[in-house]
Amino acid sequence: MRAILINPFEKKISEVEIQNTLEDLQVAVGDGEKVLITVACELPNGDVIYVDDEGLFKPNNAYFTVDGAHQPFAGIGLVVGSTKTGNSTNARSSIAQITSMVSMLSRVQLIKYLANELREET
């Protein structure tokens, strides 16, 4: 299955081929380690971005944001397509589309981002 890997540790977005199984999705998001995953956000074209469900609790030092998403995300993200019944399928998005909507953040940049968000809310 065609997927797009968002790797804020390497500040890289790349196309990957993975098997269409839950375990392969978990291992891709966990960078080789099986982790619990959750849908971080749905893109307008129906693609979804999976992230580590416990990523914010881990000592990550790399994060990313997605235009229109509700919060920054910790660790690796994986973009895959989604069918009407919720099954995973090939990603519809191109690397260029994902690159245009994703910003990579270090821990310091994350703190500045969140501080700015808090200022805008008050």
PDB file of N, CA and C in Angstrom:
ATOM      1  N   MET A   1       0.852  -1.172   0.000  1.00  0.00           N
ATOM      2  CA  MET A   1       0.000   0.000   0.000  1.00  0.00           C
ATOM      3  C   MET A   1       0.900   1.238   0.000  1.00  0.00           C
ATOM      4  N   ARG A   2       0.542   2.217  -0.809  1.00  0.00           N
ATOM      5  CA  ARG A   2       1.295   3.466  -0.868  1.00  0.00           C
ATOM      6  C   ARG A   2       0.909   4.346   0.316  1.00  0.00           C
ATOM      7  N   ALA A   3       1.919   4.808   1.049  1.00  0.00           N
ATOM      8  CA  ALA A   3       1.701   5.686   2.192  1.00  0.00           C
ATOM      9  C   ALA A   3       2.759   6.793   2.161  1.00  0.00           C
ATOM     10  N   ILE A   4       2.540   7.818   2.949  1.00  0.00           N
ATOM     11  CA  ILE A   4       3.502   8.916   3.050  1.00  0.00           C
ATOM     12  C   ILE A   4       3.909   9.040   4.512  1.00  0.00           C
ATOM     13  N   LEU A   5       5.219   8.979   4.740  1.00  0.00           N
ATOM     14  CA  LEU A   5       5.781   9.032   6.084  1.00  0.00           C
ATOM     15  C   LEU A   5       6.221  10.454   6.391  1.00  0.00           C
ATOM     16  N   ILE A   6       5.751  10.986   7.497  1.00  0.00           N
ATOM     17  CA  ILE A   6       6.170  12.307   7.984  1.00  0.00           C
ATOM     18  C   ILE A   6       7.132  12.050   9.132  1.00  0.00           C
ATOM     19  N   ASN A   7       8.406  12.357   8.932  1.00  0.00           N
ATOM     20  CA  ASN A   7       9.427  12.074   9.942  1.00  0.00           C
ATOM     21  C   ASN A   7      10.039  13.383  10.426  1.00  0.00           C
ATOM     22  N   PRO A   8       9.535  13.931  11.536  1.00  0.00           N
ATOM     23  CA  PRO A   8      10.065  15.202  12.025  1.00  0.00           C
ATOM     24  C   PRO A   8      11.465  15.082  12.636  1.00  0.00           C
ATOM     25  N   PHE A   9      11.890  13.861  12.973  1.00  0.00           N
ATOM     26  CA  PHE A   9      13.239  13.668  13.501  1.00  0.00           C
ATOM     27  C   PHE A   9      14.272  13.953  12.412  1.00  0.00           C
ATOM     28  N   GLU A  10      13.968  13.508  11.201  1.00  0.00           N
ATOM     29  CA  GLU A  10      14.856  13.721  10.053  1.00  0.00           C
ATOM     30  C   GLU A  10      14.415  14.904   9.202  1.00  0.00           C
ATOM     31  N   LYS A  11      13.289  15.535   9.603  1.00  0.00           N
ATOM     32  CA  LYS A  11      12.687  16.631   8.833  1.00  0.00           C
ATOM     33  C   LYS A  11      12.492  16.215   7.373  1.00  0.00           C
ATOM     34  N   LYS A  12      11.849  15.073   7.207  1.00  0.00           N
ATOM     35  CA  LYS A  12      11.719  14.471   5.890  1.00  0.00           C
ATOM     36  C   LYS A  12      10.307  13.922   5.691  1.00  0.00           C
ATOM     37  N   ILE A  13       9.797  14.099   4.484  1.00  0.00           N
ATOM     38  CA  ILE A  13       8.517  13.523   4.081  1.00  0.00           C
ATOM     39  C   ILE A  13       8.810  12.633   2.877  1.00  0.00           C
ATOM     40  N   SER A  14       8.412  11.359   2.962  1.00  0.00           N
ATOM     41  CA  SER A  14       8.766  10.430   1.887  1.00  0.00           C
ATOM     42  C   SER A  14       7.644   9.425   1.646  1.00  0.00           C
ATOM     43  N   GLU A  15       7.633   8.888   0.435  1.00  0.00           N
ATOM     44  CA  GLU A  15       6.679   7.863   0.077  1.00  0.00           C
ATOM     45  C   GLU A  15       7.236   6.510   0.511  1.00  0.00           C
ATOM     46  N   VAL A  16       6.370   5.679   1.082  1.00  0.00           N
ATOM     47  CA  VAL A  16       6.772   4.339   1.510  1.00  0.00           C
ATOM     48  C   VAL A  16       5.725   3.333   1.034  1.00  0.00           C
ATOM     49  N   GLU A  17       6.142   2.108   0.910  1.00  0.00           N
ATOM     50  CA  GLU A  17       5.228   1.000   0.607  1.00  0.00           C
ATOM     51  C   GLU A  17       5.152   0.127   1.844  1.00  0.00           C
ATOM     52  N   ILE A  18       3.936  -0.109   2.328  1.00  0.00           N
ATOM     53  CA  ILE A  18       3.754  -0.975   3.489  1.00  0.00           C
ATOM     54  C   ILE A  18       2.606  -1.938   3.194  1.00  0.00           C
ATOM     55  N   GLN A  19       2.553  -3.003   3.952  1.00  0.00           N
ATOM     56  CA  GLN A  19       1.426  -3.931   3.845  1.00  0.00           C
ATOM     57  C   GLN A  19       0.209  -3.284   4.502  1.00  0.00           C
ATOM     58  N   ASN A  20      -0.958  -3.618   4.022  1.00  0.00           N
ATOM     59  CA  ASN A  20      -2.190  -3.045   4.552  1.00  0.00           C
ATOM     60  C   ASN A  20      -2.684  -3.861   5.745  1.00  0.00           C
ATOM     61  N   THR A  21      -1.888  -3.831   6.834  1.00  0.00           N
ATOM     62  CA  THR A  21      -2.281  -4.499   8.074  1.00  0.00           C
ATOM     63  C   THR A  21      -2.119  -3.523   9.229  1.00  0.00           C
ATOM     64  N   LEU A  22      -2.878  -3.738  10.283  1.00  0.00           N
ATOM     65  CA  LEU A  22      -2.765  -2.889  11.462  1.00  0.00           C
ATOM     66  C   LEU A  22      -1.343  -2.913  12.002  1.00  0.00           C
ATOM     67  N   GLU A  23      -0.752  -4.091  12.079  1.00  0.00           N
ATOM     68  CA  GLU A  23       0.603  -4.201  12.622  1.00  0.00           C
ATOM     69  C   GLU A  23       1.611  -3.402  11.794  1.00  0.00           C
ATOM     70  N   ASP A  24       1.496  -3.438  10.476  1.00  0.00           N
ATOM     71  CA  ASP A  24       2.427  -2.675   9.637  1.00  0.00           C
ATOM     72  C   ASP A  24       2.231  -1.169   9.811  1.00  0.00           C
ATOM     73  N   LEU A  25       0.992  -0.726   9.977  1.00  0.00           N
ATOM     74  CA  LEU A  25       0.746   0.692  10.270  1.00  0.00           C
ATOM     75  C   LEU A  25       1.393   1.065  11.601  1.00  0.00           C
ATOM     76  N   GLN A  26       1.216   0.216  12.613  1.00  0.00           N
ATOM     77  CA  GLN A  26       1.779   0.485  13.940  1.00  0.00           C
ATOM     78  C   GLN A  26       3.299   0.540  13.907  1.00  0.00           C
ATOM     79  N   VAL A  27       3.923  -0.372  13.184  1.00  0.00           N
ATOM     80  CA  VAL A  27       5.387  -0.426  13.103  1.00  0.00           C
ATOM     81  C   VAL A  27       5.924   0.772  12.321  1.00  0.00           C
ATOM     82  N   ALA A  28       5.223   1.182  11.258  1.00  0.00           N
ATOM     83  CA  ALA A  28       5.662   2.349  10.486  1.00  0.00           C
ATOM     84  C   ALA A  28       5.620   3.607  11.343  1.00  0.00           C
ATOM     85  N   VAL A  29       4.557   3.794  12.100  1.00  0.00           N
ATOM     86  CA  VAL A  29       4.443   4.963  12.978  1.00  0.00           C
ATOM     87  C   VAL A  29       5.449   4.875  14.125  1.00  0.00           C
ATOM     88  N   GLY A  30       5.731   3.677  14.587  1.00  0.00           N
ATOM     89  CA  GLY A  30       6.668   3.481  15.697  1.00  0.00           C
ATOM     90  C   GLY A  30       8.121   3.411  15.275  1.00  0.00           C
ATOM     91  N   ASP A  31       8.416   3.685  13.993  1.00  0.00           N
ATOM     92  CA  ASP A  31       9.792   3.660  13.475  1.00  0.00           C
ATOM     93  C   ASP A  31      10.466   2.324  13.778  1.00  0.00           C
ATOM     94  N   GLY A  32       9.735   1.241  13.483  1.00  0.00           N
ATOM     95  CA  GLY A  32      10.265  -0.100  13.674  1.00  0.00           C
ATOM     96  C   GLY A  32       9.759  -0.789  14.925  1.00  0.00           C
ATOM     97  N   GLU A  33       9.148  -0.044  15.811  1.00  0.00           N
ATOM     98  CA  GLU A  33       8.581  -0.585  17.056  1.00  0.00           C
ATOM     99  C   GLU A  33       7.060  -0.517  16.967  1.00  0.00           C
ATOM    100  N   LYS A  34       6.388  -1.581  17.367  1.00  0.00           N
ATOM    101  CA  LYS A  34       4.925  -1.601  17.334  1.00  0.00           C
ATOM    102  C   LYS A  34       4.372  -0.691  18.429  1.00  0.00           C
ATOM    103  N   VAL A  35       3.566   0.312  18.029  1.00  0.00           N
ATOM    104  CA  VAL A  35       2.979   1.260  18.974  1.00  0.00           C
ATOM    105  C   VAL A  35       1.470   1.325  18.756  1.00  0.00           C
ATOM    106  N   LEU A  36       0.751   1.841  19.744  1.00  0.00           N
ATOM    107  CA  LEU A  36      -0.677   2.103  19.588  1.00  0.00           C
ATOM    108  C   LEU A  36      -0.822   3.317  18.687  1.00  0.00           C
ATOM    109  N   ILE A  37      -1.713   3.254  17.710  1.00  0.00           N
ATOM    110  CA  ILE A  37      -1.884   4.386  16.810  1.00  0.00           C
ATOM    111  C   ILE A  37      -3.294   4.933  16.894  1.00  0.00           C
ATOM    112  N   THR A  38      -3.431   6.189  16.489  1.00  0.00           N
ATOM    113  CA  THR A  38      -4.727   6.836  16.430  1.00  0.00           C
ATOM    114  C   THR A  38      -4.753   7.751  15.222  1.00  0.00           C
ATOM    115  N   VAL A  39      -5.942   8.031  14.726  1.00  0.00           N
ATOM    116  CA  VAL A  39      -6.072   8.982  13.623  1.00  0.00           C
ATOM    117  C   VAL A  39      -5.918  10.380  14.201  1.00  0.00           C
ATOM    118  N   ALA A  40      -4.891  11.086  13.741  1.00  0.00           N
ATOM    119  CA  ALA A  40      -4.636  12.444  14.214  1.00  0.00           C
ATOM    120  C   ALA A  40      -5.574  13.431  13.537  1.00  0.00           C
ATOM    121  N   CYS A  41      -5.748  13.262  12.245  1.00  0.00           N
ATOM    122  CA  CYS A  41      -6.655  14.153  11.516  1.00  0.00           C
ATOM    123  C   CYS A  41      -7.012  13.531  10.171  1.00  0.00           C
ATOM    124  N   GLU A  42      -8.105  14.017   9.623  1.00  0.00           N
ATOM    125  CA  GLU A  42      -8.530  13.602   8.294  1.00  0.00           C
ATOM    126  C   GLU A  42      -8.294  14.764   7.347  1.00  0.00           C
ATOM    127  N   LEU A  43      -7.734  14.478   6.199  1.00  0.00           N
ATOM    128  CA  LEU A  43      -7.464  15.505   5.196  1.00  0.00           C
ATOM    129  C   LEU A  43      -8.691  15.676   4.302  1.00  0.00           C
ATOM    130  N   PRO A  44      -8.809  16.824   3.639  1.00  0.00           N
ATOM    131  CA  PRO A  44      -9.994  17.078   2.803  1.00  0.00           C
ATOM    132  C   PRO A  44     -10.247  16.020   1.730  1.00  0.00           C
ATOM    133  N   ASN A  45      -9.199  15.354   1.239  1.00  0.00           N
ATOM    134  CA  ASN A  45      -9.374  14.351   0.186  1.00  0.00           C
ATOM    135  C   ASN A  45      -9.711  12.959   0.734  1.00  0.00           C
ATOM    136  N   GLY A  46      -9.878  12.844   2.057  1.00  0.00           N
ATOM    137  CA  GLY A  46     -10.229  11.564   2.667  1.00  0.00           C
ATOM    138  C   GLY A  46      -9.056  10.788   3.227  1.00  0.00           C
ATOM    139  N   ASP A  47      -7.821  11.215   2.935  1.00  0.00           N
ATOM    140  CA  ASP A  47      -6.656  10.595   3.564  1.00  0.00           C
ATOM    141  C   ASP A  47      -6.692  10.868   5.062  1.00  0.00           C
ATOM    142  N   VAL A  48      -6.052  10.002   5.825  1.00  0.00           N
ATOM    143  CA  VAL A  48      -5.931  10.206   7.264  1.00  0.00           C
ATOM    144  C   VAL A  48      -4.455  10.157   7.649  1.00  0.00           C
ATOM    145  N   ILE A  49      -4.142  10.811   8.756  1.00  0.00           N
ATOM    146  CA  ILE A  49      -2.783  10.770   9.288  1.00  0.00           C
ATOM    147  C   ILE A  49      -2.826  10.041  10.622  1.00  0.00           C
ATOM    148  N   TYR A  50      -2.091   8.936  10.684  1.00  0.00           N
ATOM    149  CA  TYR A  50      -1.952   8.181  11.928  1.00  0.00           C
ATOM    150  C   TYR A  50      -0.725   8.673  12.684  1.00  0.00           C
ATOM    151  N   VAL A  51      -0.838   8.702  14.008  1.00  0.00           N
ATOM    152  CA  VAL A  51       0.285   9.023  14.889  1.00  0.00           C
ATOM    153  C   VAL A  51       0.281   8.059  16.068  1.00  0.00           C
ATOM    154  N   ASP A  52       1.366   8.064  16.814  1.00  0.00           N
ATOM    155  CA  ASP A  52       1.483   7.273  18.038  1.00  0.00           C
ATOM    156  C   ASP A  52       0.503   7.838  19.060  1.00  0.00           C
ATOM    157  N   ASP A  53      -0.425   7.010  19.526  1.00  0.00           N
ATOM    158  CA  ASP A  53      -1.446   7.459  20.477  1.00  0.00           C
ATOM    159  C   ASP A  53      -0.841   7.957  21.785  1.00  0.00           C
ATOM    160  N   GLU A  54       0.352   7.491  22.109  1.00  0.00           N
ATOM    161  CA  GLU A  54       1.014   7.912  23.350  1.00  0.00           C
ATOM    162  C   GLU A  54       2.230   8.790  23.067  1.00  0.00           C
ATOM    163  N   GLY A  55       2.308   9.333  21.857  1.00  0.00           N
ATOM    164  CA  GLY A  55       3.460  10.117  21.441  1.00  0.00           C
ATOM    165  C   GLY A  55       3.760  11.329  22.308  1.00  0.00           C
ATOM    166  N   LEU A  56       2.725  11.992  22.787  1.00  0.00           N
ATOM    167  CA  LEU A  56       2.942  13.186  23.618  1.00  0.00           C
ATOM    168  C   LEU A  56       3.480  12.831  25.009  1.00  0.00           C
ATOM    169  N   PHE A  57       3.372  11.572  25.398  1.00  0.00           N
ATOM    170  CA  PHE A  57       3.883  11.146  26.701  1.00  0.00           C
ATOM    171  C   PHE A  57       5.324  10.654  26.637  1.00  0.00           C
ATOM    172  N   LYS A  58       5.860  10.544  25.437  1.00  0.00           N
ATOM    173  CA  LYS A  58       7.225  10.040  25.251  1.00  0.00           C
ATOM    174  C   LYS A  58       8.205  11.207  25.182  1.00  0.00           C
ATOM    175  N   PRO A  59       9.457  10.937  25.482  1.00  0.00           N
ATOM    176  CA  PRO A  59      10.455  12.027  25.470  1.00  0.00           C
ATOM    177  C   PRO A  59      10.876  12.387  24.036  1.00  0.00           C
ATOM    178  N   ASN A  60       9.885  12.742  23.210  1.00  0.00           N
ATOM    179  CA  ASN A  60      10.174  13.138  21.829  1.00  0.00           C
ATOM    180  C   ASN A  60      10.836  14.509  21.806  1.00  0.00           C
ATOM    181  N   ASN A  61      11.596  14.738  20.797  1.00  0.00           N
ATOM    182  CA  ASN A  61      12.141  16.069  20.601  1.00  0.00           C
ATOM    183  C   ASN A  61      11.852  16.546  19.186  1.00  0.00           C
ATOM    184  N   ALA A  62      10.872  15.926  18.551  1.00  0.00           N
ATOM    185  CA  ALA A  62      10.489  16.325  17.209  1.00  0.00           C
ATOM    186  C   ALA A  62       8.972  16.222  17.053  1.00  0.00           C
ATOM    187  N   TYR A  63       8.417  17.237  16.451  1.00  0.00           N
ATOM    188  CA  TYR A  63       6.963  17.349  16.341  1.00  0.00           C
ATOM    189  C   TYR A  63       6.618  17.873  14.953  1.00  0.00           C
ATOM    190  N   PHE A  64       5.333  17.795  14.604  1.00  0.00           N
ATOM    191  CA  PHE A  64       4.888  18.411  13.358  1.00  0.00           C
ATOM    192  C   PHE A  64       3.470  18.932  13.528  1.00  0.00           C
ATOM    193  N   THR A  65       3.136  19.911  12.707  1.00  0.00           N
ATOM    194  CA  THR A  65       1.779  20.429  12.650  1.00  0.00           C
ATOM    195  C   THR A  65       1.247  20.200  11.243  1.00  0.00           C
ATOM    196  N   VAL A  66      -0.072  20.146  11.150  1.00  0.00           N
ATOM    197  CA  VAL A  66      -0.749  20.003   9.865  1.00  0.00           C
ATOM    198  C   VAL A  66      -1.752  21.141   9.777  1.00  0.00           C
ATOM    199  N   ASP A  67      -1.732  21.883   8.679  1.00  0.00           N
ATOM    200  CA  ASP A  67      -2.692  22.973   8.495  1.00  0.00           C
ATOM    201  C   ASP A  67      -4.105  22.473   8.757  1.00  0.00           C
ATOM    202  N   GLY A  68      -4.817  23.168   9.630  1.00  0.00           N
ATOM    203  CA  GLY A  68      -6.194  22.817   9.933  1.00  0.00           C
ATOM    204  C   GLY A  68      -6.376  21.781  11.026  1.00  0.00           C
ATOM    205  N   ALA A  69      -5.290  21.188  11.505  1.00  0.00           N
ATOM    206  CA  ALA A  69      -5.398  20.190  12.578  1.00  0.00           C
ATOM    207  C   ALA A  69      -5.558  20.888  13.924  1.00  0.00           C
ATOM    208  N   HIS A  70      -6.057  20.166  14.892  1.00  0.00           N
ATOM    209  CA  HIS A  70      -6.383  20.729  16.192  1.00  0.00           C
ATOM    210  C   HIS A  70      -5.196  20.909  17.132  1.00  0.00           C
ATOM    211  N   GLN A  71      -4.050  20.312  16.832  1.00  0.00           N
ATOM    212  CA  GLN A  71      -2.895  20.404  17.726  1.00  0.00           C
ATOM    213  C   GLN A  71      -1.644  19.929  17.004  1.00  0.00           C
ATOM    214  N   PRO A  72      -0.468  20.217  17.541  1.00  0.00           N
ATOM    215  CA  PRO A  72       0.764  19.611  17.009  1.00  0.00           C
ATOM    216  C   PRO A  72       0.806  18.129  17.389  1.00  0.00           C
ATOM    217  N   PHE A  73       1.595  17.365  16.654  1.00  0.00           N
ATOM    218  CA  PHE A  73       1.705  15.933  16.892  1.00  0.00           C
ATOM    219  C   PHE A  73       3.149  15.561  17.169  1.00  0.00           C
ATOM    220  N   ALA A  74       3.344  14.596  18.061  1.00  0.00           N
ATOM    221  CA  ALA A  74       4.679  14.162  18.467  1.00  0.00           C
ATOM    222  C   ALA A  74       5.080  12.912  17.703  1.00  0.00           C
ATOM    223  N   GLY A  75       6.307  12.904  17.217  1.00  0.00           N
ATOM    224  CA  GLY A  75       6.831  11.720  16.552  1.00  0.00           C
ATOM    225  C   GLY A  75       6.405  11.618  15.102  1.00  0.00           C
ATOM    226  N   ILE A  76       6.438  10.413  14.588  1.00  0.00           N
ATOM    227  CA  ILE A  76       6.205  10.144  13.174  1.00  0.00           C
ATOM    228  C   ILE A  76       4.717  10.111  12.848  1.00  0.00           C
ATOM    229  N   GLY A  77       4.377  10.618  11.659  1.00  0.00           N
ATOM    230  CA  GLY A  77       3.020  10.534  11.144  1.00  0.00           C
ATOM    231  C   GLY A  77       3.004   9.687   9.885  1.00  0.00           C
ATOM    232  N   LEU A  78       1.892   9.023   9.631  1.00  0.00           N
ATOM    233  CA  LEU A  78       1.752   8.184   8.446  1.00  0.00           C
ATOM    234  C   LEU A  78       0.442   8.527   7.747  1.00  0.00           C
ATOM    235  N   VAL A  79       0.547   8.952   6.494  1.00  0.00           N
ATOM    236  CA  VAL A  79      -0.621   9.323   5.701  1.00  0.00           C
ATOM    237  C   VAL A  79      -1.029   8.116   4.857  1.00  0.00           C
ATOM    238  N   VAL A  80      -2.288   7.711   4.979  1.00  0.00           N
ATOM    239  CA  VAL A  80      -2.841   6.640   4.147  1.00  0.00           C
ATOM    240  C   VAL A  80      -4.228   7.059   3.688  1.00  0.00           C
ATOM    241  N   GLY A  81      -4.701   6.403   2.646  1.00  0.00           N
ATOM    242  CA  GLY A  81      -6.065   6.638   2.196  1.00  0.00           C
ATOM    243  C   GLY A  81      -7.045   5.913   3.109  1.00  0.00           C
ATOM    244  N   SER A  82      -8.302   6.291   3.002  1.00  0.00           N
ATOM    245  CA  SER A  82      -9.336   5.660   3.812  1.00  0.00           C
ATOM    246  C   SER A  82     -10.580   5.462   2.952  1.00  0.00           C
ATOM    247  N   THR A  83     -11.160   4.285   3.044  1.00  0.00           N
ATOM    248  CA  THR A  83     -12.382   4.004   2.287  1.00  0.00           C
ATOM    249  C   THR A  83     -13.602   4.494   3.065  1.00  0.00           C
ATOM    250  N   LYS A  84     -14.756   4.463   2.447  1.00  0.00           N
ATOM    251  CA  LYS A  84     -15.992   4.883   3.112  1.00  0.00           C
ATOM    252  C   LYS A  84     -16.293   4.031   4.341  1.00  0.00           C
ATOM    253  N   THR A  85     -15.800   2.794   4.335  1.00  0.00           N
ATOM    254  CA  THR A  85     -16.044   1.904   5.471  1.00  0.00           C
ATOM    255  C   THR A  85     -14.921   1.979   6.513  1.00  0.00           C
ATOM    256  N   GLY A  86     -13.940   2.857   6.283  1.00  0.00           N
ATOM    257  CA  GLY A  86     -12.884   3.053   7.274  1.00  0.00           C
ATOM    258  C   GLY A  86     -11.652   2.192   7.089  1.00  0.00           C
ATOM    259  N   ASN A  87     -11.610   1.414   6.019  1.00  0.00           N
ATOM    260  CA  ASN A  87     -10.416   0.601   5.767  1.00  0.00           C
ATOM    261  C   ASN A  87      -9.311   1.442   5.151  1.00  0.00           C
ATOM    262  N   SER A  88      -8.075   1.051   5.399  1.00  0.00           N
ATOM    263  CA  SER A  88      -6.929   1.760   4.825  1.00  0.00           C
ATOM    264  C   SER A  88      -6.732   1.356   3.379  1.00  0.00           C
ATOM    265  N   THR A  89      -6.256   2.315   2.588  1.00  0.00           N
ATOM    266  CA  THR A  89      -5.963   2.085   1.183  1.00  0.00           C
ATOM    267  C   THR A  89      -4.829   3.028   0.782  1.00  0.00           C
ATOM    268  N   ASN A  90      -4.432   2.999  -0.471  1.00  0.00           N
ATOM    269  CA  ASN A  90      -3.355   3.867  -0.942  1.00  0.00           C
ATOM    270  C   ASN A  90      -3.650   5.329  -0.645  1.00  0.00           C
ATOM    271  N   ALA A  91      -2.629   6.051  -0.230  1.00  0.00           N
ATOM    272  CA  ALA A  91      -2.761   7.491   0.001  1.00  0.00           C
ATOM    273  C   ALA A  91      -3.091   8.192  -1.309  1.00  0.00           C
ATOM    274  N   ARG A  92      -4.002   9.126  -1.265  1.00  0.00           N
ATOM    275  CA  ARG A  92      -4.362   9.911  -2.450  1.00  0.00           C
ATOM    276  C   ARG A  92      -3.444  11.129  -2.585  1.00  0.00           C
ATOM    277  N   SER A  93      -2.979  11.635  -1.459  1.00  0.00           N
ATOM    278  CA  SER A  93      -2.150  12.848  -1.443  1.00  0.00           C
ATOM    279  C   SER A  93      -0.799  12.593  -2.092  1.00  0.00           C
ATOM    280  N   SER A  94      -0.249  13.656  -2.650  1.00  0.00           N
ATOM    281  CA  SER A  94       1.119  13.594  -3.169  1.00  0.00           C
ATOM    282  C   SER A  94       2.071  14.093  -2.084  1.00  0.00           C
ATOM    283  N   ILE A  95       3.328  13.798  -2.255  1.00  0.00           N
ATOM    284  CA  ILE A  95       4.329  14.313  -1.310  1.00  0.00           C
ATOM    285  C   ILE A  95       4.292  15.838  -1.311  1.00  0.00           C
ATOM    286  N   ALA A  96       4.131  16.447  -2.482  1.00  0.00           N
ATOM    287  CA  ALA A  96       4.080  17.911  -2.572  1.00  0.00           C
ATOM    288  C   ALA A  96       2.898  18.471  -1.774  1.00  0.00           C
ATOM    289  N   GLN A  97       1.739  17.814  -1.849  1.00  0.00           N
ATOM    290  CA  GLN A  97       0.574  18.280  -1.090  1.00  0.00           C
ATOM    291  C   GLN A  97       0.826  18.193   0.415  1.00  0.00           C
ATOM    292  N   ILE A  98       1.388  17.074   0.860  1.00  0.00           N
ATOM    293  CA  ILE A  98       1.659  16.910   2.295  1.00  0.00           C
ATOM    294  C   ILE A  98       2.725  17.905   2.745  1.00  0.00           C
ATOM    295  N   THR A  99       3.764  18.073   1.949  1.00  0.00           N
ATOM    296  CA  THR A  99       4.828  19.020   2.287  1.00  0.00           C
ATOM    297  C   THR A  99       4.271  20.435   2.452  1.00  0.00           C
ATOM    298  N   SER A 100       3.304  20.804   1.626  1.00  0.00           N
ATOM    299  CA  SER A 100       2.748  22.163   1.691  1.00  0.00           C
ATOM    300  C   SER A 100       1.898  22.400   2.933  1.00  0.00           C
ATOM    301  N   MET A 101       1.402  21.329   3.564  1.00  0.00           N
ATOM    302  CA  MET A 101       0.524  21.513   4.728  1.00  0.00           C
ATOM    303  C   MET A 101       1.162  21.116   6.056  1.00  0.00           C
ATOM    304  N   VAL A 102       2.401  20.599   6.013  1.00  0.00           N
ATOM    305  CA  VAL A 102       3.068  20.129   7.229  1.00  0.00           C
ATOM    306  C   VAL A 102       4.238  21.045   7.580  1.00  0.00           C
ATOM    307  N   SER A 103       4.372  21.340   8.856  1.00  0.00           N
ATOM    308  CA  SER A 103       5.535  22.075   9.368  1.00  0.00           C
ATOM    309  C   SER A 103       6.193  21.221  10.440  1.00  0.00           C
ATOM    310  N   MET A 104       7.504  21.071  10.341  1.00  0.00           N
ATOM    311  CA  MET A 104       8.266  20.308  11.332  1.00  0.00           C
ATOM    312  C   MET A 104       8.684  21.249  12.460  1.00  0.00           C
ATOM    313  N   LEU A 105       8.636  20.749  13.700  1.00  0.00           N
ATOM    314  CA  LEU A 105       8.970  21.575  14.853  1.00  0.00           C
ATOM    315  C   LEU A 105       9.926  20.840  15.790  1.00  0.00           C
ATOM    316  N   SER A 106      10.920  21.559  16.274  1.00  0.00           N
ATOM    317  CA  SER A 106      11.753  21.052  17.371  1.00  0.00           C
ATOM    318  C   SER A 106      11.010  21.326  18.674  1.00  0.00           C
ATOM    319  N   ARG A 107      11.552  20.876  19.793  1.00  0.00           N
ATOM    320  CA  ARG A 107      10.908  21.140  21.089  1.00  0.00           C
ATOM    321  C   ARG A 107      10.800  22.643  21.348  1.00  0.00           C
ATOM    322  N   VAL A 108      11.849  23.383  21.053  1.00  0.00           N
ATOM    323  CA  VAL A 108      11.841  24.839  21.260  1.00  0.00           C
ATOM    324  C   VAL A 108      10.793  25.487  20.361  1.00  0.00           C
ATOM    325  N   GLN A 109      10.732  25.083  19.105  1.00  0.00           N
ATOM    326  CA  GLN A 109       9.732  25.627  18.186  1.00  0.00           C
ATOM    327  C   GLN A 109       8.320  25.262  18.633  1.00  0.00           C
ATOM    328  N   LEU A 110       8.152  24.063  19.193  1.00  0.00           N
ATOM    329  CA  LEU A 110       6.850  23.648  19.704  1.00  0.00           C
ATOM    330  C   LEU A 110       6.405  24.564  20.837  1.00  0.00           C
ATOM    331  N   ILE A 111       7.302  24.858  21.752  1.00  0.00           N
ATOM    332  CA  ILE A 111       6.974  25.740  22.880  1.00  0.00           C
ATOM    333  C   ILE A 111       6.565  27.117  22.369  1.00  0.00           C
ATOM    334  N   LYS A 112       7.299  27.649  21.400  1.00  0.00           N
ATOM    335  CA  LYS A 112       6.958  28.955  20.824  1.00  0.00           C
ATOM    336  C   LYS A 112       5.601  28.891  20.119  1.00  0.00           C
ATOM    337  N   TYR A 113       5.356  27.807  19.400  1.00  0.00           N
ATOM    338  CA  TYR A 113       4.082  27.623  18.703  1.00  0.00           C
ATOM    339  C   TYR A 113       2.921  27.619  19.702  1.00  0.00           C
ATOM    340  N   LEU A 114       3.073  26.847  20.770  1.00  0.00           N
ATOM    341  CA  LEU A 114       2.005  26.752  21.774  1.00  0.00           C
ATOM    342  C   LEU A 114       1.800  28.070  22.505  1.00  0.00           C
ATOM    343  N   ALA A 115       2.900  28.775  22.807  1.00  0.00           N
ATOM    344  CA  ALA A 115       2.782  30.076  23.466  1.00  0.00           C
ATOM    345  C   ALA A 115       2.015  31.044  22.570  1.00  0.00           C
ATOM    346  N   ASN A 116       2.294  31.010  21.289  1.00  0.00           N
ATOM    347  CA  ASN A 116       1.584  31.882  20.339  1.00  0.00           C
ATOM    348  C   ASN A 116       0.113  31.512  20.271  1.00  0.00           C
ATOM    349  N   GLU A 117      -0.191  30.219  20.265  1.00  0.00           N
ATOM    350  CA  GLU A 117      -1.586  29.767  20.249  1.00  0.00           C
ATOM    351  C   GLU A 117      -2.333  30.254  21.499  1.00  0.00           C
ATOM    352  N   LEU A 118      -1.678  30.184  22.642  1.00  0.00           N
ATOM    353  CA  LEU A 118      -2.304  30.636  23.888  1.00  0.00           C
ATOM    354  C   LEU A 118      -2.561  32.143  23.858  1.00  0.00           C
ATOM    355  N   ARG A 119      -1.614  32.899  23.307  1.00  0.00           N
ATOM    356  CA  ARG A 119      -1.809  34.348  23.206  1.00  0.00           C
ATOM    357  C   ARG A 119      -2.998  34.672  22.314  1.00  0.00           C
ATOM    358  N   GLU A 120      -3.156  33.930  21.234  1.00  0.00           N
ATOM    359  CA  GLU A 120      -4.256  34.185  20.310  1.00  0.00           C
ATOM    360  C   GLU A 120      -5.611  33.857  20.937  1.00  0.00           C
ATOM    361  N   GLU A 121      -5.643  32.929  21.869  1.00  0.00           N
ATOM    362  CA  GLU A 121      -6.897  32.549  22.527  1.00  0.00           C
ATOM    363  C   GLU A 121      -7.338  33.563  23.561  1.00  0.00           C
ATOM    364  N   THR A 122      -6.407  34.347  24.095  1.00  0.00           N
ATOM    365  CA  THR A 122      -6.785  35.310  25.143  1.00  0.00           C
ATOM    366  C   THR A 122      -7.093  36.672  24.591  1.00  0.00           C
TER     367      THR A 122
END
